[in-house]
Amino acid sequence: MSETRGRLAGRRIVVVGAGQQRFGPEDLVGNGRAMSVLFGREGASVACADIDGDAAAETAAAVRAEGATALAITADGSDDADVRRMVAEVVDGFGGIDGVVLNLGIGGPSRGLDGTSAEEWDGVFAVNVRSHFLGCKHALPAMADGGTIVLVSSIAAVIPVSDKPAYNASKAALAGLCHAAAKEGAPRGVRVNVLVPGLIDTPLGRRASAGRPERATTPIPLGRQGTAWDVAAAALFLVSDDAAYVTAQALVVDGGLTTLR
């Protein structure tokens, strides 16, 4: 972990999907929680939103333990009214929004195309694409000039790492959404980018490996799976002024997996 430098001092950041599931060691941290904590360390006020209100509250408590201001919000990112309310609560609580990280996703069935029903396909897209669309739609008008949005994708958008066609396709769709949102935000200096994690050792990653053991032994050029803190550091770069001239881009955090193998 690099030394904190106050890179987000005075910023108001929303992390949607800030909670985490319990699977694996008690101290294993998920991407959304790591992002929220790191943003707080860097001086941001952080709104921790999740469909699981208890998980959101736990993350908000972890942010406050860093000496930062935090809100806990229970919201379903795929529900239009919930996302409107979430944005309104953040504006009411913080006085505005400077950044949003949309860290939402479900895997869907591992049964290939023939084994995936239309209802299952739509359910995955509701969480993995609709939620990101709604986050951009409602956050952009409320966002301060010069703000930033980060959509969290997956290397499944780049290479076929699983037999989950709905997941792979939905994560790939975020590139197109990113371009559309970045184009709309550019006149006000609002940047929109996609963060593309690889195989990351998180509670969800452990659960995925339990169902697909070969995931845990996949050779990675840098010799290890990533951690949630690796992903959080990349997210910090994208929401900070270090990336002030970066928009409509994808930042892949995968230890070289997609390009060197």
Foldseek 3Di string as FASTA:
>chain_A
DDDADLLQAPAEEEEEVLFDDDADDPPAAALSLLLLQNNLLSHYEYEQEYLPQVRQVVSQVSSVVSVHHYHGYHAQLLDLVRLLVSLVVSCVVSVAHQEYEYDWFDQFDQPADVPHDPVRLVVRLSTLPNSLLSNLVNRLVRHAQQGEYEYEAECLCVDVPGRRVSNSVSSVCVLVVQVVSQVVRVVSLYAYEYEYEYQEPGSVSVVVCVVVVVSCVDDAQQGHHHGSNLSSVVVSCRRGCVCSPDHSYYDYHYNCVNPPD
